[in-house]
Amino acid sequence: MIEFIIKLYKADPSLFVGMFGLLLIIITIVLFFIFYIYMNVHLKGISKIIFNNEKHYRRPLEPFNFII
């Protein structure tokens, strides 16, 4: 696998950099959605810690209560 990556880099460096950038963007988007769902599920506890009030904010994904 490493040999393939090195061969690709030597053949066309701009394609390699573009593919690496695209991979990083995809990873960032996936992590963003995971964090957003985590925040939605645990928002009640986070509001209790920060504001000392569980009902200070409502859930941003309230129409999608089937996730919980």
PDB file of N, CA and C in Angstrom:
ATOM      1  N   MET A   1       0.825  -1.188   0.000  1.00  0.00           N
ATOM      2  CA  MET A   1       0.000   0.000   0.000  1.00  0.00           C
ATOM      3  C   MET A   1       0.872   1.256   0.000  1.00  0.00           C
ATOM      4  N   ILE A   2       1.912   1.263   0.819  1.00  0.00           N
ATOM      5  CA  ILE A   2       2.811   2.413   0.874  1.00  0.00           C
ATOM      6  C   ILE A   2       3.497   2.618  -0.476  1.00  0.00           C
ATOM      7  N   GLU A   3       3.869   1.523  -1.128  1.00  0.00           N
ATOM      8  CA  GLU A   3       4.515   1.624  -2.434  1.00  0.00           C
ATOM      9  C   GLU A   3       3.586   2.274  -3.450  1.00  0.00           C
ATOM     10  N   PHE A   4       2.305   1.929  -3.394  1.00  0.00           N
ATOM     11  CA  PHE A   4       1.320   2.529  -4.300  1.00  0.00           C
ATOM     12  C   PHE A   4       1.205   4.033  -4.060  1.00  0.00           C
ATOM     13  N   ILE A   5       1.205   4.447  -2.805  1.00  0.00           N
ATOM     14  CA  ILE A   5       1.096   5.871  -2.469  1.00  0.00           C
ATOM     15  C   ILE A   5       2.329   6.625  -2.961  1.00  0.00           C
ATOM     16  N   ILE A   6       3.508   6.052  -2.759  1.00  0.00           N
ATOM     17  CA  ILE A   6       4.747   6.695  -3.221  1.00  0.00           C
ATOM     18  C   ILE A   6       4.773   6.768  -4.745  1.00  0.00           C
ATOM     19  N   LYS A   7       4.334   5.702  -5.412  1.00  0.00           N
ATOM     20  CA  LYS A   7       4.290   5.676  -6.876  1.00  0.00           C
ATOM     21  C   LYS A   7       3.318   6.729  -7.404  1.00  0.00           C
ATOM     22  N   LEU A   8       2.167   6.862  -6.757  1.00  0.00           N
ATOM     23  CA  LEU A   8       1.186   7.866  -7.159  1.00  0.00           C
ATOM     24  C   LEU A   8       1.741   9.275  -6.956  1.00  0.00           C
ATOM     25  N   TYR A   9       2.438   9.486  -5.853  1.00  0.00           N
ATOM     26  CA  TYR A   9       3.017  10.804  -5.578  1.00  0.00           C
ATOM     27  C   TYR A   9       4.082  11.169  -6.616  1.00  0.00           C
ATOM     28  N   LYS A  10       4.894  10.194  -7.005  1.00  0.00           N
ATOM     29  CA  LYS A  10       5.939  10.465  -8.000  1.00  0.00           C
ATOM     30  C   LYS A  10       5.345  10.682  -9.386  1.00  0.00           C
ATOM     31  N   ALA A  11       4.248   9.986  -9.703  1.00  0.00           N
ATOM     32  CA  ALA A  11       3.647  10.101 -11.026  1.00  0.00           C
ATOM     33  C   ALA A  11       2.944  11.445 -11.207  1.00  0.00           C
ATOM     34  N   ASP A  12       2.138  11.855 -10.233  1.00  0.00           N
ATOM     35  CA  ASP A  12       1.379  13.104 -10.355  1.00  0.00           C
ATOM     36  C   ASP A  12       1.170  13.704  -8.965  1.00  0.00           C
ATOM     37  N   PRO A  13       2.075  14.566  -8.526  1.00  0.00           N
ATOM     38  CA  PRO A  13       1.972  15.120  -7.169  1.00  0.00           C
ATOM     39  C   PRO A  13       0.699  15.926  -6.929  1.00  0.00           C
ATOM     40  N   SER A  14       0.209  16.645  -7.948  1.00  0.00           N
ATOM     41  CA  SER A  14      -0.995  17.456  -7.739  1.00  0.00           C
ATOM     42  C   SER A  14      -2.221  16.568  -7.506  1.00  0.00           C
ATOM     43  N   LEU A  15      -2.298  15.441  -8.182  1.00  0.00           N
ATOM     44  CA  LEU A  15      -3.399  14.507  -7.953  1.00  0.00           C
ATOM     45  C   LEU A  15      -3.322  13.927  -6.545  1.00  0.00           C
ATOM     46  N   PHE A  16      -2.123  13.610  -6.103  1.00  0.00           N
ATOM     47  CA  PHE A  16      -1.933  13.074  -4.753  1.00  0.00           C
ATOM     48  C   PHE A  16      -2.367  14.085  -3.698  1.00  0.00           C
ATOM     49  N   VAL A  17      -1.959  15.337  -3.861  1.00  0.00           N
ATOM     50  CA  VAL A  17      -2.330  16.382  -2.902  1.00  0.00           C
ATOM     51  C   VAL A  17      -3.838  16.600  -2.925  1.00  0.00           C
ATOM     52  N   GLY A  18      -4.443  16.588  -4.103  1.00  0.00           N
ATOM     53  CA  GLY A  18      -5.893  16.745  -4.215  1.00  0.00           C
ATOM     54  C   GLY A  18      -6.649  15.612  -3.544  1.00  0.00           C
ATOM     55  N   MET A  19      -6.196  14.385  -3.752  1.00  0.00           N
ATOM     56  CA  MET A  19      -6.858  13.235  -3.121  1.00  0.00           C
ATOM     57  C   MET A  19      -6.690  13.275  -1.609  1.00  0.00           C
ATOM     58  N   PHE A  20      -5.525  13.682  -1.138  1.00  0.00           N
ATOM     59  CA  PHE A  20      -5.287  13.793   0.300  1.00  0.00           C
ATOM     60  C   PHE A  20      -6.173  14.881   0.909  1.00  0.00           C
ATOM     61  N   GLY A  21      -6.305  16.010   0.222  1.00  0.00           N
ATOM     62  CA  GLY A  21      -7.187  17.081   0.691  1.00  0.00           C
ATOM     63  C   GLY A  21      -8.634  16.643   0.729  1.00  0.00           C
ATOM     64  N   LEU A  22      -9.072  15.915  -0.297  1.00  0.00           N
ATOM     65  CA  LEU A  22     -10.444  15.402  -0.327  1.00  0.00           C
ATOM     66  C   LEU A  22     -10.685  14.425   0.815  1.00  0.00           C
ATOM     67  N   LEU A  23      -9.708  13.590   1.105  1.00  0.00           N
ATOM     68  CA  LEU A  23      -9.821  12.658   2.229  1.00  0.00           C
ATOM     69  C   LEU A  23      -9.976  13.415   3.547  1.00  0.00           C
ATOM     70  N   LEU A  24      -9.194  14.466   3.733  1.00  0.00           N
ATOM     71  CA  LEU A  24      -9.295  15.256   4.960  1.00  0.00           C
ATOM     72  C   LEU A  24     -10.649  15.957   5.074  1.00  0.00           C
ATOM     73  N   ILE A  25     -11.176  16.446   3.960  1.00  0.00           N
ATOM     74  CA  ILE A  25     -12.493  17.092   3.978  1.00  0.00           C
ATOM     75  C   ILE A  25     -13.575  16.086   4.345  1.00  0.00           C
ATOM     76  N   ILE A  26     -13.519  14.889   3.787  1.00  0.00           N
ATOM     77  CA  ILE A  26     -14.512  13.855   4.099  1.00  0.00           C
ATOM     78  C   ILE A  26     -14.435  13.470   5.573  1.00  0.00           C
ATOM     79  N   ILE A  27     -13.233  13.301   6.096  1.00  0.00           N
ATOM     80  CA  ILE A  27     -13.070  12.968   7.519  1.00  0.00           C
ATOM     81  C   ILE A  27     -13.630  14.086   8.391  1.00  0.00           C
ATOM     82  N   THR A  28     -13.387  15.343   8.011  1.00  0.00           N
ATOM     83  CA  THR A  28     -13.900  16.480   8.775  1.00  0.00           C
ATOM     84  C   THR A  28     -15.421  16.498   8.790  1.00  0.00           C
ATOM     85  N   ILE A  29     -16.052  16.251   7.656  1.00  0.00           N
ATOM     86  CA  ILE A  29     -17.518  16.251   7.584  1.00  0.00           C
ATOM     87  C   ILE A  29     -18.096  15.128   8.436  1.00  0.00           C
ATOM     88  N   VAL A  30     -17.511  13.946   8.371  1.00  0.00           N
ATOM     89  CA  VAL A  30     -17.996  12.819   9.176  1.00  0.00           C
ATOM     90  C   VAL A  30     -17.864  13.129  10.664  1.00  0.00           C
ATOM     91  N   LEU A  31     -16.725  13.663  11.079  1.00  0.00           N
ATOM     92  CA  LEU A  31     -16.539  14.006  12.491  1.00  0.00           C
ATOM     93  C   LEU A  31     -17.486  15.115  12.930  1.00  0.00           C
ATOM     94  N   PHE A  32     -17.784  16.067  12.044  1.00  0.00           N
ATOM     95  CA  PHE A  32     -18.731  17.128  12.364  1.00  0.00           C
ATOM     96  C   PHE A  32     -20.109  16.547  12.659  1.00  0.00           C
ATOM     97  N   PHE A  33     -20.584  15.623  11.816  1.00  0.00           N
ATOM     98  CA  PHE A  33     -21.899  15.022  12.046  1.00  0.00           C
ATOM     99  C   PHE A  33     -21.919  14.172  13.310  1.00  0.00           C
ATOM    100  N   ILE A  34     -20.854  13.448  13.579  1.00  0.00           N
ATOM    101  CA  ILE A  34     -20.786  12.657  14.813  1.00  0.00           C
ATOM    102  C   ILE A  34     -20.857  13.576  16.027  1.00  0.00           C
ATOM    103  N   PHE A  35     -20.112  14.685  15.999  1.00  0.00           N
ATOM    104  CA  PHE A  35     -20.122  15.633  17.111  1.00  0.00           C
ATOM    105  C   PHE A  35     -21.490  16.291  17.252  1.00  0.00           C
ATOM    106  N   TYR A  36     -22.153  16.615  16.137  1.00  0.00           N
ATOM    107  CA  TYR A  36     -23.470  17.247  16.175  1.00  0.00           C
ATOM    108  C   TYR A  36     -24.501  16.312  16.813  1.00  0.00           C
ATOM    109  N   ILE A  37     -24.479  15.054  16.445  1.00  0.00           N
ATOM    110  CA  ILE A  37     -25.416  14.088  17.031  1.00  0.00           C
ATOM    111  C   ILE A  37     -25.098  13.875  18.507  1.00  0.00           C
ATOM    112  N   TYR A  38     -23.818  13.816  18.865  1.00  0.00           N
ATOM    113  CA  TYR A  38     -23.433  13.667  20.268  1.00  0.00           C
ATOM    114  C   TYR A  38     -23.930  14.852  21.089  1.00  0.00           C
ATOM    115  N   MET A  39     -23.751  16.063  20.565  1.00  0.00           N
ATOM    116  CA  MET A  39     -24.222  17.258  21.271  1.00  0.00           C
ATOM    117  C   MET A  39     -25.737  17.233  21.417  1.00  0.00           C
ATOM    118  N   ASN A  40     -26.442  16.761  20.396  1.00  0.00           N
ATOM    119  CA  ASN A  40     -27.892  16.702  20.465  1.00  0.00           C
ATOM    120  C   ASN A  40     -28.342  15.741  21.555  1.00  0.00           C
ATOM    121  N   VAL A  41     -27.700  14.607  21.644  1.00  0.00           N
ATOM    122  CA  VAL A  41     -28.101  13.595  22.619  1.00  0.00           C
ATOM    123  C   VAL A  41     -27.785  14.048  24.041  1.00  0.00           C
ATOM    124  N   HIS A  42     -26.672  14.730  24.239  1.00  0.00           N
ATOM    125  CA  HIS A  42     -26.223  15.091  25.582  1.00  0.00           C
ATOM    126  C   HIS A  42     -26.422  16.564  25.925  1.00  0.00           C
ATOM    127  N   LEU A  43     -27.268  17.280  25.169  1.00  0.00           N
ATOM    128  CA  LEU A  43     -27.443  18.712  25.400  1.00  0.00           C
ATOM    129  C   LEU A  43     -28.080  19.012  26.748  1.00  0.00           C
ATOM    130  N   LYS A  44     -28.947  18.140  27.206  1.00  0.00           N
ATOM    131  CA  LYS A  44     -29.603  18.360  28.498  1.00  0.00           C
ATOM    132  C   LYS A  44     -28.567  18.367  29.629  1.00  0.00           C
ATOM    133  N   GLY A  45     -27.675  17.416  29.627  1.00  0.00           N
ATOM    134  CA  GLY A  45     -26.637  17.359  30.654  1.00  0.00           C
ATOM    135  C   GLY A  45     -25.641  18.499  30.536  1.00  0.00           C
ATOM    136  N   ILE A  46     -25.314  18.882  29.296  1.00  0.00           N
ATOM    137  CA  ILE A  46     -24.383  19.988  29.092  1.00  0.00           C
ATOM    138  C   ILE A  46     -25.000  21.290  29.588  1.00  0.00           C
ATOM    139  N   SER A  47     -26.291  21.502  29.316  1.00  0.00           N
ATOM    140  CA  SER A  47     -26.974  22.707  29.799  1.00  0.00           C
ATOM    141  C   SER A  47     -27.032  22.727  31.324  1.00  0.00           C
ATOM    142  N   LYS A  48     -27.184  21.553  31.929  1.00  0.00           N
ATOM    143  CA  LYS A  48     -27.215  21.495  33.392  1.00  0.00           C
ATOM    144  C   LYS A  48     -25.857  21.888  33.974  1.00  0.00           C
ATOM    145  N   ILE A  49     -24.768  21.466  33.329  1.00  0.00           N
ATOM    146  CA  ILE A  49     -23.429  21.797  33.822  1.00  0.00           C
ATOM    147  C   ILE A  49     -23.127  23.285  33.620  1.00  0.00           C
ATOM    148  N   ILE A  50     -23.405  23.803  32.427  1.00  0.00           N
ATOM    149  CA  ILE A  50     -23.020  25.178  32.101  1.00  0.00           C
ATOM    150  C   ILE A  50     -23.963  26.200  32.730  1.00  0.00           C
ATOM    151  N   PHE A  51     -25.281  26.004  32.574  1.00  0.00           N
ATOM    152  CA  PHE A  51     -26.257  27.009  32.996  1.00  0.00           C
ATOM    153  C   PHE A  51     -26.967  26.654  34.293  1.00  0.00           C
ATOM    154  N   ASN A  52     -26.705  25.474  34.834  1.00  0.00           N
ATOM    155  CA  ASN A  52     -27.382  24.977  36.029  1.00  0.00           C
ATOM    156  C   ASN A  52     -28.893  24.917  35.821  1.00  0.00           C
ATOM    157  N   ASN A  53     -29.298  24.694  34.571  1.00  0.00           N
ATOM    158  CA  ASN A  53     -30.714  24.596  34.232  1.00  0.00           C
ATOM    159  C   ASN A  53     -30.838  23.663  33.036  1.00  0.00           C
ATOM    160  N   GLU A  54     -31.521  22.543  33.211  1.00  0.00           N
ATOM    161  CA  GLU A  54     -31.637  21.556  32.136  1.00  0.00           C
ATOM    162  C   GLU A  54     -32.494  22.055  30.981  1.00  0.00           C
ATOM    163  N   LYS A  55     -33.430  22.949  31.232  1.00  0.00           N
ATOM    164  CA  LYS A  55     -34.365  23.371  30.191  1.00  0.00           C
ATOM    165  C   LYS A  55     -33.981  24.710  29.570  1.00  0.00           C
ATOM    166  N   HIS A  56     -32.735  25.133  29.759  1.00  0.00           N
ATOM    167  CA  HIS A  56     -32.293  26.423  29.226  1.00  0.00           C
ATOM    168  C   HIS A  56     -32.343  26.430  27.698  1.00  0.00           C
ATOM    169  N   TYR A  57     -31.882  25.385  27.065  1.00  0.00           N
ATOM    170  CA  TYR A  57     -31.922  25.267  25.610  1.00  0.00           C
ATOM    171  C   TYR A  57     -32.674  24.008  25.223  1.00  0.00           C
ATOM    172  N   ARG A  58     -33.370  24.083  24.086  1.00  0.00           N
ATOM    173  CA  ARG A  58     -34.020  22.874  23.582  1.00  0.00           C
ATOM    174  C   ARG A  58     -33.106  22.211  22.558  1.00  0.00           C
ATOM    175  N   ARG A  59     -33.419  21.005  22.263  1.00  0.00           N
ATOM    176  CA  ARG A  59     -32.576  20.213  21.361  1.00  0.00           C
ATOM    177  C   ARG A  59     -32.644  20.744  19.934  1.00  0.00           C
ATOM    178  N   PRO A  60     -31.502  20.846  19.247  1.00  0.00           N
ATOM    179  CA  PRO A  60     -31.526  21.322  17.863  1.00  0.00           C
ATOM    180  C   PRO A  60     -32.132  20.312  16.893  1.00  0.00           C
ATOM    181  N   LEU A  61     -32.126  19.035  17.246  1.00  0.00           N
ATOM    182  CA  LEU A  61     -32.699  18.006  16.372  1.00  0.00           C
ATOM    183  C   LEU A  61     -34.005  17.467  16.946  1.00  0.00           C
ATOM    184  N   GLU A  62     -34.802  18.334  17.564  1.00  0.00           N
ATOM    185  CA  GLU A  62     -36.004  17.868  18.238  1.00  0.00           C
ATOM    186  C   GLU A  62     -36.970  17.095  17.321  1.00  0.00           C
ATOM    187  N   PRO A  63     -37.120  17.441  16.033  1.00  0.00           N
ATOM    188  CA  PRO A  63     -38.011  16.631  15.185  1.00  0.00           C
ATOM    189  C   PRO A  63     -37.532  15.193  15.000  1.00  0.00           C
ATOM    190  N   PHE A  64     -36.246  14.949  15.253  1.00  0.00           N
ATOM    191  CA  PHE A  64     -35.683  13.616  15.052  1.00  0.00           C
ATOM    192  C   PHE A  64     -35.484  12.903  16.386  1.00  0.00           C
ATOM    193  N   ASN A  65     -36.501  12.796  17.174  1.00  0.00           N
ATOM    194  CA  ASN A  65     -36.389  12.177  18.491  1.00  0.00           C
ATOM    195  C   ASN A  65     -36.198  10.664  18.421  1.00  0.00           C
ATOM    196  N   PHE A  66     -36.352  10.063  17.249  1.00  0.00           N
ATOM    197  CA  PHE A  66     -36.169   8.620  17.142  1.00  0.00           C
ATOM    198  C   PHE A  66     -34.703   8.232  17.325  1.00  0.00           C
ATOM    199  N   ILE A  67     -33.764   9.181  17.228  1.00  0.00           N
ATOM    200  CA  ILE A  67     -32.339   8.879  17.420  1.00  0.00           C
ATOM    201  C   ILE A  67     -32.075   8.499  18.864  1.00  0.00           C
ATOM    202  N   ILE A  68     -32.776   9.115  19.777  1.00  0.00           N
ATOM    203  CA  ILE A  68     -32.508   8.924  21.204  1.00  0.00           C
ATOM    204  C   ILE A  68     -33.152   7.655  21.700  1.00  0.00           C
TER     205      ILE A  68
END
